[in-house]
Amino acid sequence: MRKMKEALFYKKKNTKVQCFLCPRNCVITNNATGFCRVRKNIEGKLYSLSYGRVISAAIDPIEKKPFYHFAPASIAFSIAGAGCNLSCDFCCNFEISQEWSYLGEQITAEEIVSKAKRLAHGISYTYTEPSIWIEFILDIAKLAKKEKLYNTMVTNGYTSVEAVKELSKYMDAVVIDLKNSGNKEAYLKLSHAPYSEKIFDAILEYAKNKVWVEITNLIVTQYGECEKDVRNFCKWTYENLGEFTPVHFLRYFPSYKLNLPPTPIKFLEKCITIAKEEGLKYVYLGNVLGSYENTYCHECGKLLIERKGFYVTKINLKNSLCPYCGAKIPIEFL
C-alpha cells in the first residue's frame, strides 16, 4: 500500500487545516481537498495525494518550455503531476490539470532521476502546475542536483513567497507562465483566480534567489486593456528584472472552454514593439513560426541562435560572446 506524504506549508485549525502553498490559502475541512484537489485534510493533517505519481512524462527540447536563454539545444525529461491551482478556461492540458480521473503512475524520485540521467540533460517540471506537487519535486530535485542534472519549472507563479524560497534552493531556471500581462480582470474571468498581483511577488523572489527567469505572456485580446497592460508589464519587467530578461508573448488558440478567435499576429507584433520601446532586449513570439523565434545580438543585431519550432538549427556563439561584436549575451549554457 502506498505511503501517504504529509504536505508542507499548512497549519492545523482544530479539525480544519489551512494551506499556505498558494495565494488561495484554502481552509480545508476533514476529508476534503483544497482548490487544487491534490492536497487533502485527513484527521487534521494535510497530505499530498499526488506524491510519488506522474501523470505525464516526455522527452522534450528545452526550447519547448520555452527556455531560449537557458541550456539551449539541451534535452529535458519533462514530468507532471495531476492538477492545478488555477482553472483556466483556455487550458491546453485540461485532461491532466482540470479533468483528470486518476493521479498517475507510481514512481520513486530515484527512478525519475535514473531515467533523466539516461535520456536527458536535466528535468523539467511542467504541463500542469508543478508547485502543488512541491513535496515530490523537492525530493526529486535534491537527487538531480547530486547527479549534476538541471532542474527547471514551467509554473503559473501562483505560489506563496515561502514556497518559492524553498523551491529556489534547487531550481536552476523557471518559466513564469503569465496570462494577459497579469491583468486582474482577466485572471478572475479566465483563470478564476483572485490576487494575481501575488504572481509578481513570486517572480521577484525567484530572481532574488538567483534562479534564471524567463516569462511567457499569453494574450487573449478580448480581456483587459491589452496594449496598456502589455506596456505596464514591460515597464515592470525592465525595472525589476532588467533589460535582458527573455520575454515570450504567446498566441492564444481556442481550447477547452474558450472559443474566441486566436490572438491577432499584428497585435503580437505590436507587443514586440512596445517591449522594445520599454527597453527589453530579448523578446519573442510563441505559437508563431518565423524570425520571432530567433535570438539576435542586442548590440549589433546579428543572428546568434536560429530556431524552427521547438528545435535549434544553428548556434553561433562562443562562451556566450557575440562572434561579430564581442558583446556578452545573457545565455546560460551547460
Protein backbone atom coordinates (compact mmCIF):
# COMPACT_ATOMS: atom_id res chain seq x y z
CA MET A 1 0.00 0.00 0.00
CA ARG A 2 1.33 3.44 -0.98
CA LYS A 3 2.51 5.54 1.95
CA MET A 4 0.91 8.98 2.18
CA LYS A 5 3.19 12.04 2.26
CA GLU A 6 2.39 14.82 4.69
CA ALA A 7 2.22 18.16 2.92
CA LEU A 8 4.33 21.23 3.55
CA PHE A 9 3.08 24.79 4.12
CA TYR A 10 -0.02 24.33 6.22
CA LYS A 11 -1.29 24.90 9.75
CA LYS A 12 -3.82 22.98 11.77
CA LYS A 13 -7.00 24.82 12.85
CA ASN A 14 -8.90 22.40 15.10
CA THR A 15 -10.31 19.76 12.73
CA LYS A 16 -9.59 22.03 9.76
CA VAL A 17 -6.27 22.88 8.15
CA GLN A 18 -5.19 25.95 6.23
CA CYS A 19 -2.86 25.55 3.27
CA PHE A 20 -0.37 28.34 2.57
CA LEU A 21 1.20 26.92 -0.59
CA CYS A 22 -0.50 29.43 -2.88
CA PRO A 23 -2.40 32.74 -2.54
CA ARG A 24 -5.74 30.95 -2.18
CA ASN A 25 -4.85 29.96 1.42
CA CYS A 26 -7.52 27.25 1.33
CA VAL A 27 -9.19 26.33 4.63
CA ILE A 28 -9.91 22.63 4.27
CA THR A 29 -12.34 20.59 6.36
CA ASN A 30 -11.76 16.98 7.32
CA ASN A 31 -11.75 14.54 4.36
CA ALA A 32 -11.88 17.43 1.87
CA THR A 33 -9.30 18.78 -0.56
CA GLY A 34 -8.27 22.30 -1.44
CA PHE A 35 -8.92 24.02 -4.78
CA CYS A 36 -6.16 22.03 -6.50
CA ARG A 37 -7.76 18.70 -5.42
CA VAL A 38 -4.42 17.05 -4.65
CA ARG A 39 -3.96 18.23 -1.06
CA LYS A 40 -6.32 16.57 1.42
CA ASN A 41 -7.13 17.03 5.09
CA ILE A 42 -7.13 13.64 6.79
CA GLU A 43 -7.93 13.91 10.51
CA GLY A 44 -6.25 17.27 10.93
CA LYS A 45 -3.18 16.64 8.78
CA LEU A 46 -2.71 17.81 5.19
CA TYR A 47 -1.45 15.18 2.75
CA SER A 48 -0.19 15.34 -0.83
CA LEU A 49 -2.30 12.89 -2.83
CA SER A 50 -0.10 13.21 -5.91
CA TYR A 51 3.20 12.47 -4.16
CA GLY A 52 5.08 9.71 -5.97
CA ARG A 53 2.79 9.78 -9.01
CA VAL A 54 3.46 11.02 -12.54
CA ILE A 55 0.51 11.70 -14.82
CA SER A 56 2.57 12.65 -17.89
CA ALA A 57 6.19 12.25 -18.99
CA ALA A 58 8.08 13.02 -22.20
CA ILE A 59 11.47 13.84 -23.64
CA ASP A 60 11.44 17.46 -24.87
CA PRO A 61 13.86 20.02 -26.26
CA ILE A 62 14.27 22.69 -23.59
CA GLU A 63 13.01 25.22 -26.16
CA LYS A 64 9.53 23.69 -25.89
CA LYS A 65 9.11 25.01 -22.32
CA PRO A 66 10.06 27.63 -23.68
CA PHE A 67 13.57 28.34 -22.41
CA TYR A 68 15.50 30.30 -25.04
CA HIS A 69 18.36 31.58 -22.88
CA PHE A 70 18.89 28.65 -20.53
CA ALA A 71 20.72 25.49 -21.69
CA PRO A 72 19.88 25.97 -25.40
CA ALA A 73 19.59 22.81 -27.53
CA SER A 74 19.56 20.59 -24.43
CA ILE A 75 17.07 17.81 -23.71
CA ALA A 76 14.71 17.88 -20.72
CA PHE A 77 12.99 14.93 -19.11
CA SER A 78 9.57 16.53 -18.67
CA ILE A 79 7.23 15.27 -15.95
CA ALA A 80 3.93 16.36 -14.44
CA GLY A 81 1.68 15.62 -11.52
CA ALA A 82 -2.10 15.90 -11.74
CA GLY A 83 -3.99 19.09 -11.01
CA CYS A 84 -3.61 22.86 -10.91
CA ASN A 85 -4.34 25.76 -8.58
CA LEU A 86 -5.78 27.80 -11.47
CA SER A 87 -8.76 26.87 -13.61
CA CYS A 88 -8.06 28.47 -16.97
CA ASP A 89 -10.89 28.33 -19.49
CA PHE A 90 -8.31 28.04 -22.29
CA CYS A 91 -6.11 25.33 -20.73
CA CYS A 92 -4.40 23.23 -23.40
CA ASN A 93 -3.58 20.45 -20.91
CA PHE A 94 -7.01 20.30 -19.27
CA GLU A 95 -7.14 16.48 -19.37
CA ILE A 96 -4.40 16.31 -16.73
CA SER A 97 -4.82 19.67 -14.98
CA GLN A 98 -8.60 20.05 -14.75
CA GLU A 99 -10.48 16.87 -15.68
CA TRP A 100 -8.11 14.09 -14.67
CA SER A 101 -9.69 10.95 -13.21
CA TYR A 102 -6.58 9.29 -11.80
CA LEU A 103 -3.40 10.55 -10.19
CA GLY A 104 -0.92 8.85 -12.50
CA GLU A 105 1.61 6.03 -12.34
CA GLN A 106 3.52 5.36 -9.14
CA ILE A 107 7.24 6.04 -9.35
CA THR A 108 10.06 6.98 -6.99
CA ALA A 109 12.29 10.04 -7.07
CA GLU A 110 15.26 7.71 -7.59
CA GLU A 111 13.64 6.15 -10.65
CA ILE A 112 12.92 9.54 -12.18
CA VAL A 113 16.48 10.75 -11.72
CA SER A 114 17.84 7.49 -13.12
CA LYS A 115 15.72 7.91 -16.26
CA ALA A 116 16.72 11.54 -16.61
CA LYS A 117 20.41 10.62 -16.46
CA ARG A 118 19.96 8.15 -19.30
CA LEU A 119 17.73 10.26 -21.51
CA ALA A 120 18.33 13.96 -20.91
CA HIS A 121 20.46 16.79 -19.56
CA GLY A 122 18.01 17.69 -16.83
CA ILE A 123 14.45 17.62 -15.55
CA SER A 124 11.57 19.98 -16.26
CA TYR A 125 8.50 20.03 -14.02
CA THR A 126 5.81 21.14 -16.42
CA TYR A 127 2.48 20.57 -18.29
CA THR A 128 0.37 21.13 -15.13
CA GLU A 129 1.17 23.40 -12.16
CA PRO A 130 4.30 21.96 -10.52
CA SER A 131 4.16 23.96 -7.28
CA ILE A 132 1.18 21.95 -5.98
CA TRP A 133 3.43 18.87 -6.37
CA ILE A 134 6.13 20.54 -4.28
CA GLU A 135 6.84 17.69 -1.86
CA PHE A 136 7.71 15.28 -4.66
CA ILE A 137 9.55 17.91 -6.68
CA LEU A 138 11.85 18.72 -3.76
CA ASP A 139 12.74 15.07 -3.27
CA ILE A 140 13.48 14.65 -6.99
CA ALA A 141 15.34 17.94 -7.34
CA LYS A 142 17.70 17.22 -4.45
CA LEU A 143 18.77 13.94 -6.06
CA ALA A 144 19.01 15.56 -9.50
CA LYS A 145 21.39 18.20 -8.16
CA LYS A 146 23.69 15.50 -6.83
CA GLU A 147 23.73 13.89 -10.27
CA LYS A 148 24.53 17.24 -11.95
CA LEU A 149 21.19 17.37 -13.76
CA TYR A 150 19.47 20.72 -14.08
CA ASN A 151 16.06 21.39 -12.53
CA THR A 152 13.59 23.66 -14.32
CA MET A 153 9.95 24.54 -13.80
CA VAL A 154 7.21 25.92 -16.01
CA THR A 155 4.92 27.49 -13.45
CA ASN A 156 1.96 29.86 -13.34
CA GLY A 157 3.74 31.68 -10.50
CA TYR A 158 0.65 31.47 -8.29
CA THR A 159 2.81 30.39 -5.37
CA SER A 160 3.48 31.77 -1.91
CA VAL A 161 6.79 33.52 -1.34
CA GLU A 162 7.63 30.96 1.37
CA ALA A 163 7.21 28.08 -1.09
CA VAL A 164 9.21 29.93 -3.75
CA LYS A 165 12.08 30.30 -1.29
CA GLU A 166 12.17 26.53 -0.77
CA LEU A 167 11.89 25.73 -4.48
CA SER A 168 14.64 28.24 -5.28
CA LYS A 169 17.17 26.19 -3.35
CA TYR A 170 17.04 23.55 -6.09
CA MET A 171 15.68 25.21 -9.24
CA ASP A 172 18.15 26.37 -11.86
CA ALA A 173 15.57 28.12 -14.02
CA VAL A 174 11.86 28.88 -14.18
CA VAL A 175 9.46 29.98 -16.88
CA ILE A 176 6.65 32.05 -15.38
CA ASP A 177 3.52 31.45 -17.45
CA LEU A 178 1.71 34.78 -17.17
CA LYS A 179 -1.75 35.49 -18.60
CA ASN A 180 -2.76 38.86 -20.11
CA SER A 181 0.16 40.66 -18.50
CA GLY A 182 -1.23 39.95 -15.01
CA ASN A 183 -4.48 41.87 -15.58
CA LYS A 184 -6.75 41.22 -12.56
CA GLU A 185 -9.97 41.11 -14.60
CA ALA A 186 -8.53 38.54 -16.98
CA TYR A 187 -7.31 36.34 -14.11
CA LEU A 188 -10.70 36.42 -12.41
CA LYS A 189 -12.73 35.74 -15.54
CA LEU A 190 -10.42 33.41 -17.47
CA SER A 191 -8.40 31.66 -14.76
CA HIS A 192 -10.82 32.04 -11.82
CA ALA A 193 -8.05 33.32 -9.60
CA PRO A 194 -8.00 36.32 -7.23
CA TYR A 195 -4.82 38.09 -6.11
CA SER A 196 -2.99 37.89 -9.45
CA GLU A 197 -0.61 40.55 -8.12
CA LYS A 198 0.92 37.84 -5.90
CA ILE A 199 2.46 36.30 -9.03
CA PHE A 200 4.79 39.28 -9.31
CA ASP A 201 5.90 38.74 -5.71
CA ALA A 202 6.82 35.16 -6.64
CA ILE A 203 8.75 36.32 -9.71
CA LEU A 204 10.75 38.76 -7.61
CA GLU A 205 11.52 36.03 -5.08
CA TYR A 206 12.85 33.67 -7.76
CA ALA A 207 15.04 36.46 -9.14
CA LYS A 208 16.22 37.43 -5.65
CA ASN A 209 17.34 33.83 -5.13
CA LYS A 210 19.34 33.81 -8.39
CA VAL A 211 17.03 31.48 -10.28
CA TRP A 212 17.11 32.05 -14.06
CA VAL A 213 13.76 33.64 -15.04
CA GLU A 214 12.03 33.77 -18.41
CA ILE A 215 8.44 34.98 -18.75
CA THR A 216 5.72 33.92 -21.15
CA ASN A 217 2.74 36.22 -21.56
CA LEU A 218 -0.34 34.68 -23.18
CA ILE A 219 -2.58 37.34 -24.68
CA VAL A 220 -6.35 37.00 -25.09
CA THR A 221 -7.21 40.36 -26.62
CA GLN A 222 -10.88 40.33 -25.60
CA TYR A 223 -9.95 40.80 -21.91
CA GLY A 224 -8.41 43.75 -20.12
CA GLU A 225 -6.81 46.80 -21.74
CA CYS A 226 -4.28 44.73 -23.60
CA GLU A 227 -1.99 47.40 -25.04
CA LYS A 228 -1.86 49.32 -21.76
CA ASP A 229 -1.41 46.08 -19.80
CA VAL A 230 1.46 44.97 -22.04
CA ARG A 231 3.23 48.30 -21.61
CA ASN A 232 2.83 48.18 -17.83
CA PHE A 233 4.14 44.60 -17.77
CA CYS A 234 7.17 45.54 -19.88
CA LYS A 235 7.94 48.52 -17.68
CA TRP A 236 7.70 46.34 -14.58
CA THR A 237 9.96 43.70 -16.10
CA TYR A 238 12.58 46.24 -17.15
CA GLU A 239 12.58 47.98 -13.77
CA ASN A 240 12.53 44.86 -11.59
CA LEU A 241 14.28 42.12 -13.59
CA GLY A 242 16.38 44.02 -16.08
CA GLU A 243 16.64 44.70 -19.79
CA PHE A 244 17.98 41.24 -20.66
CA THR A 245 15.07 39.23 -19.22
CA PRO A 246 13.72 36.98 -22.00
CA VAL A 247 10.02 37.63 -22.62
CA HIS A 248 7.83 35.46 -24.85
CA PHE A 249 4.44 36.76 -25.98
CA LEU A 250 2.24 33.75 -26.71
CA ARG A 251 -0.53 33.47 -29.24
CA TYR A 252 -3.76 32.15 -27.75
CA PHE A 253 -5.68 29.49 -29.66
CA PRO A 254 -9.18 28.21 -28.81
CA SER A 255 -9.03 25.34 -26.31
CA TYR A 256 -11.07 23.69 -23.58
CA LYS A 257 -13.96 26.04 -22.67
CA LEU A 258 -12.85 29.15 -24.57
CA ASN A 259 -13.67 29.50 -28.26
CA LEU A 260 -12.64 33.08 -29.00
CA PRO A 261 -10.61 33.85 -32.16
CA PRO A 262 -6.83 33.38 -31.89
CA THR A 263 -4.69 36.35 -30.90
CA PRO A 264 -4.09 38.50 -33.99
CA ILE A 265 -0.46 38.28 -35.09
CA LYS A 266 -0.46 42.03 -35.73
CA PHE A 267 -1.21 42.63 -32.06
CA LEU A 268 1.60 40.29 -31.01
CA GLU A 269 3.96 42.21 -33.29
CA LYS A 270 2.74 45.36 -31.55
CA CYS A 271 3.70 43.70 -28.24
CA ILE A 272 7.26 43.30 -29.51
CA THR A 273 7.36 46.97 -30.49
CA ILE A 274 6.09 48.01 -27.05
CA ALA A 275 8.62 45.77 -25.28
CA LYS A 276 11.50 47.26 -27.23
CA GLU A 277 10.22 50.79 -26.60
CA GLU A 278 10.31 49.98 -22.89
CA GLY A 279 13.91 48.80 -23.12
CA LEU A 280 13.64 45.00 -23.25
CA LYS A 281 16.32 43.45 -25.47
CA TYR A 282 15.19 39.83 -25.92
CA VAL A 283 11.56 39.47 -26.93
CA TYR A 284 9.98 36.51 -28.74
CA LEU A 285 6.65 35.28 -30.05
CA GLY A 286 5.37 31.83 -29.13
CA ASN A 287 2.97 29.73 -31.20
CA VAL A 288 4.08 31.81 -34.21
CA LEU A 289 6.65 30.43 -36.64
CA GLY A 290 9.24 32.75 -38.15
CA SER A 291 12.07 35.09 -37.27
CA TYR A 292 10.46 35.98 -33.93
CA GLU A 293 11.82 32.65 -32.63
CA ASN A 294 15.46 33.58 -33.22
CA THR A 295 17.98 35.23 -30.92
CA TYR A 296 19.83 38.28 -32.23
CA CYS A 297 22.67 40.19 -30.59
CA HIS A 298 21.34 43.16 -28.62
CA GLU A 299 24.31 45.27 -29.75
CA CYS A 300 24.93 44.52 -33.44
CA GLY A 301 21.70 42.72 -34.36
CA LYS A 302 23.37 39.68 -35.93
CA LEU A 303 21.70 36.24 -35.81
CA LEU A 304 23.11 34.14 -32.95
CA ILE A 305 20.62 31.29 -32.44
CA GLU A 306 18.26 30.11 -35.16
CA ARG A 307 15.19 28.06 -34.22
CA LYS A 308 12.45 26.34 -36.15
CA GLY A 309 9.54 25.37 -33.96
CA PHE A 310 10.96 23.79 -30.82
CA TYR A 311 14.34 22.98 -32.32
CA VAL A 312 17.63 24.87 -32.59
CA THR A 313 19.05 24.71 -36.10
CA LYS A 314 22.10 26.92 -35.60
CA ILE A 315 24.12 28.36 -32.71
CA ASN A 316 26.71 30.99 -33.47
CA LEU A 317 28.07 31.79 -30.04
CA LYS A 318 31.27 31.06 -28.16
CA ASN A 319 31.50 31.45 -24.38
CA SER A 320 28.27 33.48 -24.52
CA LEU A 321 30.01 36.18 -26.58
CA CYS A 322 28.75 37.55 -29.87
CA PRO A 323 31.32 36.50 -32.52
CA TYR A 324 30.66 39.69 -34.51
CA CYS A 325 30.96 42.47 -31.91
CA GLY A 326 32.07 40.70 -28.73
CA ALA A 327 29.00 41.66 -26.69
CA LYS A 328 28.22 39.48 -23.68
CA ILE A 329 24.98 37.62 -24.41
CA PRO A 330 22.79 36.70 -21.41
CA ILE A 331 22.55 32.97 -22.11
CA GLU A 332 23.30 30.14 -19.67
CA PHE A 333 24.99 27.26 -21.48
CA LEU A 334 25.52 23.85 -19.90
